[in-house]
Amino acid sequence: MPIAPCYCNNEVANSNEVARNNEVAMREVKTLGLLGTGVIGGGWAARALHFGIDVVAADVKPEMEAWIRGAIENAEPALARLTLAPLPRKGTLSFTTDLRVMAQRADFIQENIPEQLELKQRLLAQVSRHAGAEVIIASSTSGLTPTDLQRDMVAPQRFCVAHPFNPVYLLPLVELVGGAQTAPQTLDAAARFFTYIGMHALKVRREVPGHLTDRLQEALWREILHLVNDGVATTGELDDSIVYGPGLRWAAMGTNMIYHLAGGESGMRHMLAQFGPALKWPWTKLEAPELTETLIDRMVEGTQAQAAGRSIRELERLRDDYLVAIQQVLRQHDIGAGSTLRALEERLYRDAGAAHPGTDPGGQLRLVDSPVRAEWVDYNGHMTDSRYVQVFGDAMDALYRRVGVDEAYRSGGHMFYTVESHLTHTGEARVGDLIYATTQLLALDDKRLHVFHRLRRVRDDACIATGEQMHLHVDTRAGKTAAIDPAVHARLEGILNAQAALPRPREAGRQVGKPGH
């Protein structure tokens, strides 16, 4: 995954020399190091592993290994449903109680220890002495400033705040904040890495305590505490006031854009003219109330009533389910977190299409390699029918990208549509089986492409399915067939000619129920 130029000297560089150059060259990130685990560390681990990054987690408590593995397992069902795009092979997790071991193995380090300034300063300084100077070190802090955190570090210019939001494995936002000694290249390189694992990297213009989002959340939180403290509402009623109203809008539009719409055709200017005077009314209280035992009891009793006996793990799965559904809906409209998901999928498809530059020993294109994922199997324990269609679809996507049918081509108003498909099953695939697809071109004219796929199981190279398809080239704006672009046609013809010596598949042209011939 070529994120940035790769500098792989594992020895700690002379910090004075690095500081003089004031340059940060980020390693190619294959292993993410976690300094501290907990809820946020577990979220980082689940996201990174899912998108093919190895993780080495360091925590002083040995029992946290079982905890983080449980957190990853709990996150996996939701992550598996987030996208159907082809995924890289899942990363591997290792655990250590030795900070040095983690620092020496990691290509990027994410700190997730408790929000105690002196503790963070001490451990960040320590880890910076053991990690290579080209390894970026980021903090998940929700409010401390990077200038304070990087104070005692070796090569502090490679440090930044990278503040995520729970659950990290589903919510794409990460706030990137640089300190007084942070190099601009650090923020750029960190943004590239986080984008690679499907996040929306928001660079904060200058450091302020609490960054951006937590300052906004804290303002709402203070008002909640006041309203509960004053007996105006319960925690459940206040959550309802968000869930059934502004919360639905916030999934795709922030407060500023929503208020712009509230102004009608004149937008924000009219909105401020009409509602601006309300800012002087005594609607809000900026300072939080004192956390008395009475207020604490009200908050605890209210949230326990809302939980209605459900465990934290049950509520996490409920939250994950609706977050996946919301992002998939937003993806259709290419807005908000849906745009981030769509960009991630484009990258996954692009990488999958480029993963196999050659042909298999039989002369056919080998376009898809994948493990059978847990969510691909049915109640019989076998890969379900729709997933065979999906794998052959991924093979066609990889073929099209290879011949120049990419995002730009589709944006230009042209694409191939599947008009006929014949699928046969000749074997079984179970969870964890490695499978691959090969593709043979059977015929091509100015508007049609005839292809034949085979799906094979890696362990014994058995053919477990075949798929024969006819594709038509379409002018998507006119809604009718159109001639294939000459350059694309020439590339397809080149593949067809290269496969001319291959025998025609005996299953080609087979009717339903007809024995093989």
Protein backbone atom coordinates (compact mmCIF):
# COMPACT_ATOMS: atom_id res chain seq x y z
CA MET A 1 0.00 0.00 0.00
CA PRO A 2 2.08 2.92 -1.25
CA ILE A 3 1.07 5.68 1.16
CA ALA A 4 4.31 7.63 1.22
CA PRO A 5 8.01 7.14 0.43
CA CYS A 6 9.29 4.27 2.52
CA TYR A 7 12.19 4.85 4.92
CA CYS A 8 12.76 1.64 6.81
CA ASN A 9 15.82 2.27 8.99
CA ASN A 10 14.83 0.67 12.29
CA GLU A 11 17.49 2.45 14.30
CA VAL A 12 16.54 5.63 16.12
CA ALA A 13 17.80 8.53 14.03
CA ASN A 14 19.79 11.35 15.54
CA SER A 15 17.07 13.66 16.79
CA ASN A 16 19.12 16.83 16.24
CA GLU A 17 19.71 15.96 12.60
CA VAL A 18 16.04 15.18 12.06
CA ALA A 19 15.05 18.42 13.75
CA ARG A 20 17.44 20.40 11.54
CA ASN A 21 15.96 18.88 8.42
CA ASN A 22 12.44 19.31 9.85
CA GLU A 23 11.23 16.61 7.48
CA VAL A 24 9.10 13.60 8.24
CA ALA A 25 9.11 10.65 5.81
CA MET A 26 6.47 8.19 6.90
CA ARG A 27 7.03 4.48 6.62
CA GLU A 28 4.74 2.33 4.57
CA VAL A 29 2.33 1.32 7.33
CA LYS A 30 2.03 -2.42 7.61
CA THR A 31 1.93 -2.60 11.40
CA LEU A 32 0.02 -0.28 13.73
CA GLY A 33 1.33 -0.07 17.28
CA LEU A 34 -1.11 0.66 20.10
CA LEU A 35 0.14 2.25 23.29
CA GLY A 36 -2.69 1.31 25.64
CA THR A 37 -5.81 -0.65 24.76
CA GLY A 38 -9.22 -0.03 26.36
CA VAL A 39 -12.32 0.95 24.39
CA ILE A 40 -10.52 3.30 21.99
CA GLY A 41 -7.53 1.01 21.52
CA GLY A 42 -9.85 -1.90 20.78
CA GLY A 43 -11.66 0.21 18.20
CA TRP A 44 -8.41 1.18 16.47
CA ALA A 45 -7.36 -2.49 16.43
CA ALA A 46 -10.64 -3.69 14.90
CA ARG A 47 -10.56 -1.07 12.12
CA ALA A 48 -6.90 -1.58 11.23
CA LEU A 49 -7.11 -5.38 11.22
CA HIS A 50 -10.22 -5.35 9.03
CA PHE A 51 -8.42 -3.37 6.35
CA GLY A 52 -5.30 -5.52 6.28
CA ILE A 53 -3.02 -3.79 8.81
CA ASP A 54 -1.24 -5.88 11.44
CA VAL A 55 -1.57 -4.64 15.02
CA VAL A 56 0.76 -4.96 17.98
CA ALA A 57 -0.96 -3.79 21.16
CA ALA A 58 0.97 -2.86 24.30
CA ASP A 59 -0.61 -2.59 27.73
CA VAL A 60 0.87 -2.96 31.22
CA LYS A 61 -2.03 -5.21 32.23
CA PRO A 62 -1.70 -8.74 30.77
CA GLU A 63 -5.45 -9.31 31.18
CA MET A 64 -6.09 -6.65 28.53
CA GLU A 65 -5.09 -9.12 25.81
CA ALA A 66 -8.28 -11.11 26.38
CA TRP A 67 -10.25 -7.87 26.58
CA ILE A 68 -9.01 -6.46 23.29
CA ARG A 69 -9.53 -9.75 21.48
CA GLY A 70 -13.09 -9.79 22.77
CA ALA A 71 -13.64 -6.21 21.63
CA ILE A 72 -12.38 -7.06 18.13
CA GLU A 73 -14.64 -10.11 17.97
CA ASN A 74 -17.63 -8.01 19.03
CA ALA A 75 -16.88 -5.41 16.33
CA GLU A 76 -16.38 -7.85 13.47
CA PRO A 77 -20.05 -8.55 12.56
CA ALA A 78 -20.77 -4.86 12.00
CA LEU A 79 -17.53 -4.22 10.13
CA ALA A 80 -18.25 -7.21 7.90
CA ARG A 81 -21.55 -5.63 6.80
CA LEU A 82 -20.18 -2.14 6.26
CA THR A 83 -19.11 -2.80 2.66
CA LEU A 84 -19.22 -5.61 0.10
CA ALA A 85 -16.10 -4.29 -1.63
CA PRO A 86 -13.23 -6.81 -1.85
CA LEU A 87 -11.08 -6.64 1.28
CA PRO A 88 -7.40 -7.44 1.76
CA ARG A 89 -6.47 -10.39 3.92
CA LYS A 90 -7.20 -9.51 7.53
CA GLY A 91 -4.28 -8.31 9.63
CA THR A 92 -2.93 -10.24 12.61
CA LEU A 93 -2.99 -9.11 16.24
CA SER A 94 -0.20 -9.59 18.74
CA PHE A 95 -0.02 -8.37 22.34
CA THR A 96 2.84 -7.37 24.62
CA THR A 97 3.33 -5.80 28.01
CA ASP A 98 6.67 -4.37 26.85
CA LEU A 99 6.37 -0.88 25.37
CA ARG A 100 9.75 -1.24 23.67
CA VAL A 101 8.73 -4.33 21.73
CA MET A 102 5.69 -2.52 20.34
CA ALA A 103 7.67 0.63 19.49
CA GLN A 104 10.36 -1.28 17.62
CA ARG A 105 7.86 -3.25 15.52
CA ALA A 106 5.39 -0.50 14.65
CA ASP A 107 5.29 1.63 11.50
CA PHE A 108 2.76 4.01 13.08
CA ILE A 109 1.95 4.35 16.80
CA GLN A 110 -1.40 5.37 18.28
CA GLU A 111 -1.47 6.24 21.99
CA ASN A 112 -4.68 5.48 23.95
CA ILE A 113 -3.79 5.78 27.64
CA PRO A 114 -5.87 7.64 30.28
CA GLU A 115 -6.33 11.42 30.01
CA GLN A 116 -3.57 12.34 32.47
CA LEU A 117 -1.09 14.85 31.09
CA GLU A 118 1.98 13.78 33.07
CA LEU A 119 1.35 10.09 32.37
CA LYS A 120 0.95 10.73 28.66
CA GLN A 121 4.04 12.96 28.54
CA ARG A 122 6.15 10.33 30.28
CA LEU A 123 5.04 7.38 28.13
CA LEU A 124 5.12 9.32 24.85
CA ALA A 125 8.68 10.43 25.61
CA GLN A 126 9.59 6.84 26.42
CA VAL A 127 8.06 5.35 23.28
CA SER A 128 9.70 8.04 21.13
CA ARG A 129 13.12 6.83 22.26
CA HIS A 130 12.45 3.31 21.00
CA ALA A 131 10.56 4.00 17.77
CA GLY A 132 12.35 4.98 14.59
CA ALA A 133 12.29 8.74 13.98
CA GLU A 134 10.35 8.12 10.75
CA VAL A 135 7.52 6.49 12.72
CA ILE A 136 4.67 8.89 13.37
CA ILE A 137 3.32 8.87 16.92
CA ALA A 138 -0.26 10.06 17.39
CA SER A 139 -2.41 10.53 20.48
CA SER A 140 -6.11 9.74 20.80
CA THR A 141 -6.49 12.43 23.45
CA SER A 142 -9.92 13.99 23.54
CA GLY A 143 -8.79 17.36 24.85
CA LEU A 144 -5.09 17.76 25.71
CA THR A 145 -3.00 19.89 23.36
CA PRO A 146 -0.23 18.42 21.19
CA THR A 147 2.27 21.11 22.25
CA ASP A 148 2.00 19.91 25.85
CA LEU A 149 2.13 16.22 24.90
CA GLN A 150 5.18 16.42 22.60
CA ARG A 151 7.26 18.43 25.09
CA ASP A 152 9.73 15.70 26.11
CA MET A 153 9.68 13.54 22.98
CA VAL A 154 12.57 12.57 20.75
CA ALA A 155 11.88 13.94 17.24
CA PRO A 156 8.70 15.76 18.36
CA GLN A 157 8.05 16.96 14.81
CA ARG A 158 6.61 13.50 13.98
CA PHE A 159 3.92 13.79 16.70
CA CYS A 160 0.28 14.84 16.30
CA VAL A 161 -3.10 14.38 17.91
CA ALA A 162 -5.37 11.95 16.05
CA HIS A 163 -8.63 12.07 17.97
CA PRO A 164 -11.21 9.43 16.94
CA PHE A 165 -14.79 8.83 18.01
CA ASN A 166 -16.32 5.74 19.56
CA PRO A 167 -16.85 3.26 17.97
CA VAL A 168 -13.60 3.91 16.12
CA TYR A 169 -14.18 0.94 13.81
CA LEU A 170 -17.38 2.47 12.40
CA LEU A 171 -17.26 6.24 12.87
CA PRO A 172 -14.91 7.66 10.24
CA LEU A 173 -14.01 11.03 11.81
CA VAL A 174 -10.48 11.57 13.12
CA GLU A 175 -9.38 15.08 14.15
CA LEU A 176 -5.74 15.79 13.30
CA VAL A 177 -4.06 18.49 15.35
CA GLY A 178 -0.44 19.63 15.22
CA GLY A 179 1.54 21.24 18.05
CA ALA A 180 4.22 23.90 18.08
CA GLN A 181 6.88 21.39 16.97
CA THR A 182 4.77 19.29 14.58
CA ALA A 183 5.97 19.24 10.98
CA PRO A 184 3.27 19.83 8.32
CA GLN A 185 4.40 16.61 6.62
CA THR A 186 3.37 14.69 9.73
CA LEU A 187 -0.26 15.78 9.40
CA ASP A 188 -0.24 15.06 5.67
CA ALA A 189 1.21 11.58 6.12
CA ALA A 190 -1.12 10.78 9.01
CA ALA A 191 -4.09 11.88 6.92
CA ARG A 192 -3.03 9.51 4.12
CA PHE A 193 -2.83 6.58 6.51
CA PHE A 194 -6.17 7.24 8.16
CA THR A 195 -7.83 7.71 4.78
CA TYR A 196 -6.39 4.35 3.73
CA ILE A 197 -8.24 2.63 6.59
CA GLY A 198 -11.49 4.36 5.68
CA MET A 199 -11.51 7.48 7.85
CA HIS A 200 -12.33 11.14 7.26
CA ALA A 201 -9.23 13.07 8.36
CA LEU A 202 -10.22 16.55 9.54
CA LYS A 203 -7.22 18.85 10.03
CA VAL A 204 -7.83 21.34 12.84
CA ARG A 205 -6.38 24.73 11.88
CA ARG A 206 -4.78 25.39 15.28
CA GLU A 207 -4.70 23.64 18.60
CA VAL A 208 -7.33 24.45 21.21
CA PRO A 209 -8.22 22.40 24.30
CA GLY A 210 -10.91 19.90 23.37
CA HIS A 211 -10.23 20.29 19.62
CA LEU A 212 -13.46 20.89 17.66
CA THR A 213 -16.03 18.17 18.15
CA ASP A 214 -15.62 17.69 21.88
CA ARG A 215 -16.10 21.42 22.44
CA LEU A 216 -19.42 21.18 20.61
CA GLN A 217 -20.40 18.02 22.46
CA GLU A 218 -19.47 19.56 25.81
CA ALA A 219 -21.77 22.53 25.18
CA LEU A 220 -24.69 20.14 24.66
CA TRP A 221 -23.59 18.04 27.64
CA ARG A 222 -23.56 21.05 29.97
CA GLU A 223 -27.13 21.91 28.97
CA ILE A 224 -28.21 18.31 29.59
CA LEU A 225 -26.76 18.42 33.10
CA HIS A 226 -28.53 21.69 33.85
CA LEU A 227 -31.90 20.44 32.58
CA VAL A 228 -31.63 17.23 34.61
CA ASN A 229 -30.35 19.10 37.67
CA ASP A 230 -33.23 21.59 37.49
CA GLY A 231 -35.80 18.81 37.15
CA VAL A 232 -36.89 20.01 33.71
CA ALA A 233 -36.39 16.64 31.96
CA THR A 234 -35.07 13.12 32.41
CA THR A 235 -32.10 11.68 30.51
CA GLY A 236 -34.50 9.66 28.35
CA GLU A 237 -36.61 12.68 27.43
CA LEU A 238 -33.53 14.67 26.49
CA ASP A 239 -32.19 11.83 24.34
CA ASP A 240 -35.60 11.61 22.64
CA SER A 241 -35.34 15.32 21.86
CA ILE A 242 -32.21 14.54 19.83
CA VAL A 243 -33.00 11.08 18.42
CA TYR A 244 -36.34 12.05 16.89
CA GLY A 245 -35.30 15.50 15.74
CA PRO A 246 -31.91 17.10 15.08
CA GLY A 247 -30.00 13.84 15.42
CA LEU A 248 -31.54 12.56 12.20
CA ARG A 249 -30.44 15.71 10.38
CA TRP A 250 -26.95 15.63 11.87
CA ALA A 251 -26.20 12.30 10.18
CA ALA A 252 -25.67 14.14 6.88
CA MET A 253 -25.73 17.89 7.59
CA GLY A 254 -24.11 19.84 10.38
CA THR A 255 -25.78 22.61 12.36
CA ASN A 256 -24.47 25.36 10.08
CA MET A 257 -25.92 23.89 6.91
CA ILE A 258 -29.18 23.02 8.66
CA TYR A 259 -29.55 26.61 9.84
CA HIS A 260 -28.68 27.82 6.34
CA LEU A 261 -31.69 25.84 5.09
CA ALA A 262 -33.81 27.31 7.89
CA GLY A 263 -33.33 30.75 6.33
CA GLY A 264 -35.22 29.81 3.19
CA GLU A 265 -34.05 31.17 -0.16
CA SER A 266 -31.98 33.87 1.60
CA GLY A 267 -30.14 31.23 3.59
CA MET A 268 -28.00 31.97 6.61
CA ARG A 269 -28.34 35.77 6.36
CA HIS A 270 -32.11 35.63 6.79
CA MET A 271 -31.83 33.00 9.50
CA LEU A 272 -29.49 35.18 11.55
CA ALA A 273 -31.66 38.24 11.03
CA GLN A 274 -34.76 36.38 12.17
CA PHE A 275 -33.38 34.26 15.00
CA GLY A 276 -30.24 36.17 15.95
CA PRO A 277 -31.97 38.16 18.72
CA ALA A 278 -32.73 34.85 20.48
CA LEU A 279 -29.01 34.56 21.25
CA LYS A 280 -29.57 37.23 23.91
CA TRP A 281 -32.40 35.30 25.54
CA PRO A 282 -31.65 33.18 28.64
CA TRP A 283 -31.90 29.86 26.84
CA THR A 284 -28.49 28.43 27.68
CA LYS A 285 -26.13 28.21 30.64
CA LEU A 286 -22.47 28.09 29.64
CA GLU A 287 -21.08 26.81 32.94
CA ALA A 288 -21.88 23.27 34.05
CA PRO A 289 -23.75 22.71 37.30
CA GLU A 290 -22.00 21.22 40.31
CA LEU A 291 -21.99 17.42 40.14
CA THR A 292 -23.83 16.79 43.40
CA GLU A 293 -24.73 13.28 44.50
CA THR A 294 -28.35 14.09 43.69
CA LEU A 295 -27.50 15.02 40.10
CA ILE A 296 -25.26 11.99 39.70
CA ASP A 297 -28.07 9.72 40.97
CA ARG A 298 -30.52 11.26 38.51
CA MET A 299 -28.12 10.71 35.60
CA VAL A 300 -27.41 7.10 36.62
CA GLU A 301 -31.05 6.22 37.27
CA GLY A 302 -32.13 7.81 34.00
CA THR A 303 -29.62 5.99 31.81
CA GLN A 304 -30.22 2.67 33.58
CA ALA A 305 -33.92 3.06 32.85
CA GLN A 306 -33.11 3.75 29.20
CA ALA A 307 -30.90 0.64 29.00
CA ALA A 308 -33.90 -1.45 30.17
CA GLY A 309 -31.72 -4.28 31.40
CA ARG A 310 -29.63 -4.58 28.25
CA SER A 311 -25.89 -5.13 28.71
CA ILE A 312 -23.24 -2.80 27.32
CA ARG A 313 -22.32 -5.40 24.69
CA GLU A 314 -25.97 -5.68 23.62
CA LEU A 315 -26.26 -1.92 23.33
CA GLU A 316 -22.98 -1.75 21.39
CA ARG A 317 -24.31 -4.24 18.84
CA LEU A 318 -27.55 -2.25 18.52
CA ARG A 319 -25.57 0.94 17.98
CA ASP A 320 -23.30 -0.76 15.44
CA ASP A 321 -26.28 -2.09 13.47
CA TYR A 322 -27.85 1.31 12.97
CA LEU A 323 -24.52 3.01 12.26
CA VAL A 324 -23.87 0.54 9.43
CA ALA A 325 -27.38 1.06 8.05
CA ILE A 326 -27.12 4.86 8.19
CA GLN A 327 -23.73 4.91 6.44
CA GLN A 328 -24.98 2.60 3.70
CA VAL A 329 -27.97 4.88 3.09
CA LEU A 330 -25.75 7.97 3.04
CA ARG A 331 -23.42 6.17 0.63
CA GLN A 332 -26.23 6.07 -1.95
CA HIS A 333 -26.44 9.87 -1.77
CA ASP A 334 -22.65 10.37 -1.58
CA ILE A 335 -22.94 12.66 1.44
CA GLY A 336 -21.41 12.81 4.92
CA ALA A 337 -19.99 9.54 6.22
CA GLY A 338 -21.43 7.88 3.11
CA SER A 339 -18.91 9.78 0.97
CA THR A 340 -16.09 8.46 3.14
CA LEU A 341 -17.43 4.91 2.77
CA ARG A 342 -17.77 5.33 -0.99
CA ALA A 343 -14.18 6.62 -1.27
CA LEU A 344 -12.96 3.65 0.77
CA GLU A 345 -14.79 1.24 -1.54
CA GLU A 346 -13.31 2.87 -4.63
CA ARG A 347 -9.86 2.35 -3.15
CA LEU A 348 -10.62 -1.27 -2.24
CA TYR A 349 -11.88 -2.06 -5.74
CA ARG A 350 -8.92 -0.24 -7.32
CA ASP A 351 -6.43 -2.17 -5.17
CA ALA A 352 -8.18 -5.47 -5.85
CA GLY A 353 -8.06 -4.80 -9.59
CA ALA A 354 -4.33 -4.14 -9.46
CA ALA A 355 -3.48 -7.04 -7.16
CA HIS A 356 -2.88 -9.63 -9.92
CA PRO A 357 -0.84 -8.18 -12.79
CA GLY A 358 -0.36 -11.53 -14.57
CA THR A 359 -2.27 -14.61 -15.62
CA ASP A 360 -2.55 -17.99 -13.96
CA PRO A 361 -0.47 -20.92 -15.30
CA GLY A 362 -3.36 -21.92 -17.56
CA GLY A 363 -3.33 -18.58 -19.35
CA GLN A 364 -6.53 -17.24 -17.81
CA LEU A 365 -6.71 -13.96 -15.95
CA ARG A 366 -6.54 -14.43 -12.19
CA LEU A 367 -8.43 -11.41 -10.94
CA VAL A 368 -9.77 -12.14 -7.44
CA ASP A 369 -8.21 -13.81 -4.40
CA SER A 370 -10.17 -13.85 -1.17
CA PRO A 371 -10.88 -15.81 1.98
CA VAL A 372 -14.49 -16.89 2.47
CA ARG A 373 -15.70 -14.38 5.04
CA ALA A 374 -17.95 -15.40 7.95
CA GLU A 375 -20.87 -13.34 6.67
CA TRP A 376 -20.70 -15.14 3.30
CA VAL A 377 -22.02 -18.49 4.57
CA ASP A 378 -25.60 -19.66 5.03
CA TYR A 379 -27.25 -21.99 7.56
CA ASN A 380 -25.63 -25.00 5.87
CA GLY A 381 -22.19 -23.61 6.59
CA HIS A 382 -21.42 -23.15 2.87
CA MET A 383 -20.84 -20.00 0.87
CA THR A 384 -24.30 -18.73 -0.09
CA ASP A 385 -25.45 -18.24 -3.70
CA SER A 386 -25.33 -14.44 -3.73
CA ARG A 387 -21.67 -14.47 -2.79
CA TYR A 388 -20.70 -16.46 -5.88
CA VAL A 389 -22.34 -13.75 -7.96
CA GLN A 390 -20.49 -11.14 -5.91
CA VAL A 391 -17.07 -12.76 -6.46
CA PHE A 392 -17.64 -13.02 -10.22
CA GLY A 393 -18.79 -9.40 -10.15
CA ASP A 394 -15.55 -8.45 -8.42
CA ALA A 395 -13.66 -10.30 -11.15
CA MET A 396 -15.44 -8.26 -13.82
CA ASP A 397 -14.73 -5.03 -11.95
CA ALA A 398 -11.03 -5.96 -11.85
CA LEU A 399 -11.08 -6.80 -15.58
CA TYR A 400 -12.75 -3.53 -16.48
CA ARG A 401 -10.33 -1.47 -14.44
CA ARG A 402 -7.46 -3.25 -16.16
CA VAL A 403 -8.69 -2.22 -19.60
CA GLY A 404 -9.48 1.37 -18.62
CA VAL A 405 -13.12 1.23 -17.48
CA ASP A 406 -12.64 3.11 -14.23
CA GLU A 407 -14.32 5.95 -12.31
CA ALA A 408 -13.43 8.47 -15.01
CA TYR A 409 -14.87 6.22 -17.73
CA ARG A 410 -18.11 5.77 -15.81
CA SER A 411 -18.33 9.49 -15.10
CA GLY A 412 -18.08 10.03 -18.85
CA GLY A 413 -21.41 8.23 -19.26
CA HIS A 414 -20.38 4.74 -20.38
CA MET A 415 -20.33 1.33 -18.70
CA PHE A 416 -20.85 -2.38 -19.30
CA TYR A 417 -24.08 -3.92 -17.98
CA THR A 418 -24.62 -7.62 -17.32
CA VAL A 419 -27.53 -8.85 -19.44
CA GLU A 420 -27.25 -12.61 -18.96
CA SER A 421 -25.58 -14.84 -16.38
CA HIS A 422 -25.35 -18.62 -15.91
CA LEU A 423 -23.98 -19.96 -12.61
CA THR A 424 -23.13 -23.58 -11.81
CA HIS A 425 -21.99 -25.04 -8.48
CA THR A 426 -19.55 -27.94 -8.49
CA GLY A 427 -18.08 -27.81 -4.99
CA GLU A 428 -18.32 -26.22 -1.57
CA ALA A 429 -16.53 -23.37 0.16
CA ARG A 430 -16.58 -22.87 3.92
CA VAL A 431 -15.53 -20.07 6.24
CA GLY A 432 -11.80 -19.43 6.01
CA ASP A 433 -11.28 -21.28 2.72
CA LEU A 434 -9.05 -19.31 0.34
CA ILE A 435 -10.62 -18.96 -3.08
CA TYR A 436 -9.67 -17.31 -6.38
CA ALA A 437 -11.41 -16.52 -9.64
CA THR A 438 -10.09 -16.80 -13.19
CA THR A 439 -11.60 -15.20 -16.27
CA GLN A 440 -11.52 -16.21 -19.92
CA LEU A 441 -12.83 -13.98 -22.72
CA LEU A 442 -14.92 -15.99 -25.21
CA ALA A 443 -16.09 -13.34 -27.67
CA LEU A 444 -16.05 -9.60 -28.32
CA ASP A 445 -17.70 -7.25 -30.80
CA ASP A 446 -18.28 -3.51 -30.84
CA LYS A 447 -20.99 -3.66 -28.12
CA ARG A 448 -20.84 -7.10 -26.48
CA LEU A 449 -18.41 -8.99 -24.26
CA HIS A 450 -18.81 -12.73 -23.55
CA VAL A 451 -16.82 -14.06 -20.55
CA PHE A 452 -16.41 -17.27 -18.58
CA HIS A 453 -15.29 -17.43 -14.94
CA ARG A 454 -14.10 -20.27 -12.76
CA LEU A 455 -13.98 -20.13 -8.97
CA ARG A 456 -11.35 -22.35 -7.40
CA ARG A 457 -10.49 -23.42 -3.86
CA VAL A 458 -6.82 -22.80 -3.14
CA ARG A 459 -6.08 -25.80 -0.90
CA ASP A 460 -6.80 -28.37 -3.63
CA ASP A 461 -7.32 -26.14 -6.69
CA ALA A 462 -10.76 -27.69 -7.13
CA CYS A 463 -13.23 -25.78 -9.30
CA ILE A 464 -16.22 -25.06 -7.07
CA ALA A 465 -18.25 -22.89 -9.44
CA THR A 466 -18.39 -21.49 -12.97
CA GLY A 467 -20.06 -18.37 -14.26
CA GLU A 468 -20.81 -17.46 -17.86
CA GLN A 469 -21.88 -13.89 -18.60
CA MET A 470 -22.81 -11.61 -21.46
CA HIS A 471 -22.16 -7.89 -20.99
CA LEU A 472 -23.46 -5.03 -23.11
CA HIS A 473 -21.72 -1.69 -23.43
CA VAL A 474 -24.16 1.12 -22.59
CA ASP A 475 -24.40 4.87 -22.94
CA THR A 476 -25.73 5.45 -19.43
CA ARG A 477 -27.04 8.93 -20.21
CA ALA A 478 -28.96 7.89 -23.28
CA GLY A 479 -30.03 4.61 -21.73
CA LYS A 480 -29.12 2.47 -24.75
CA THR A 481 -26.29 0.34 -26.09
CA ALA A 482 -23.28 2.11 -27.59
CA ALA A 483 -19.98 1.21 -29.23
CA ILE A 484 -17.13 0.39 -26.87
CA ASP A 485 -14.44 3.05 -26.59
CA PRO A 486 -11.71 2.17 -29.15
CA ALA A 487 -8.90 2.13 -26.56
CA VAL A 488 -10.88 -0.12 -24.23
CA HIS A 489 -11.89 -2.35 -27.14
CA ALA A 490 -8.24 -2.69 -28.20
CA ARG A 491 -7.20 -3.78 -24.69
CA LEU A 492 -10.01 -6.33 -24.47
CA GLU A 493 -9.13 -7.60 -27.93
CA GLY A 494 -5.52 -8.01 -26.82
CA ILE A 495 -6.62 -10.23 -23.93
CA LEU A 496 -8.96 -12.20 -26.23
CA ASN A 497 -6.14 -12.82 -28.70
CA ALA A 498 -3.75 -13.83 -25.92
CA GLN A 499 -6.29 -16.43 -24.78
CA ALA A 500 -7.10 -17.66 -28.28
CA ALA A 501 -5.21 -20.92 -27.76
CA LEU A 502 -7.19 -21.81 -24.63
CA PRO A 503 -9.81 -24.54 -25.14
CA ARG A 504 -13.38 -23.36 -25.00
CA PRO A 505 -14.87 -24.30 -21.60
CA ARG A 506 -16.98 -27.42 -21.96
CA GLU A 507 -19.61 -25.82 -19.69
CA ALA A 508 -20.01 -22.78 -21.96
CA GLY A 509 -23.48 -22.49 -23.46
CA ARG A 510 -24.85 -25.09 -21.08
CA GLN A 511 -28.60 -25.00 -20.45
CA VAL A 512 -30.12 -25.34 -16.99
CA GLY A 513 -30.26 -29.02 -16.01
CA LYS A 514 -28.25 -30.14 -19.01
CA PRO A 515 -25.39 -32.56 -18.11
CA GLY A 516 -21.86 -31.35 -18.64
CA HIS A 517 -20.39 -32.14 -22.05
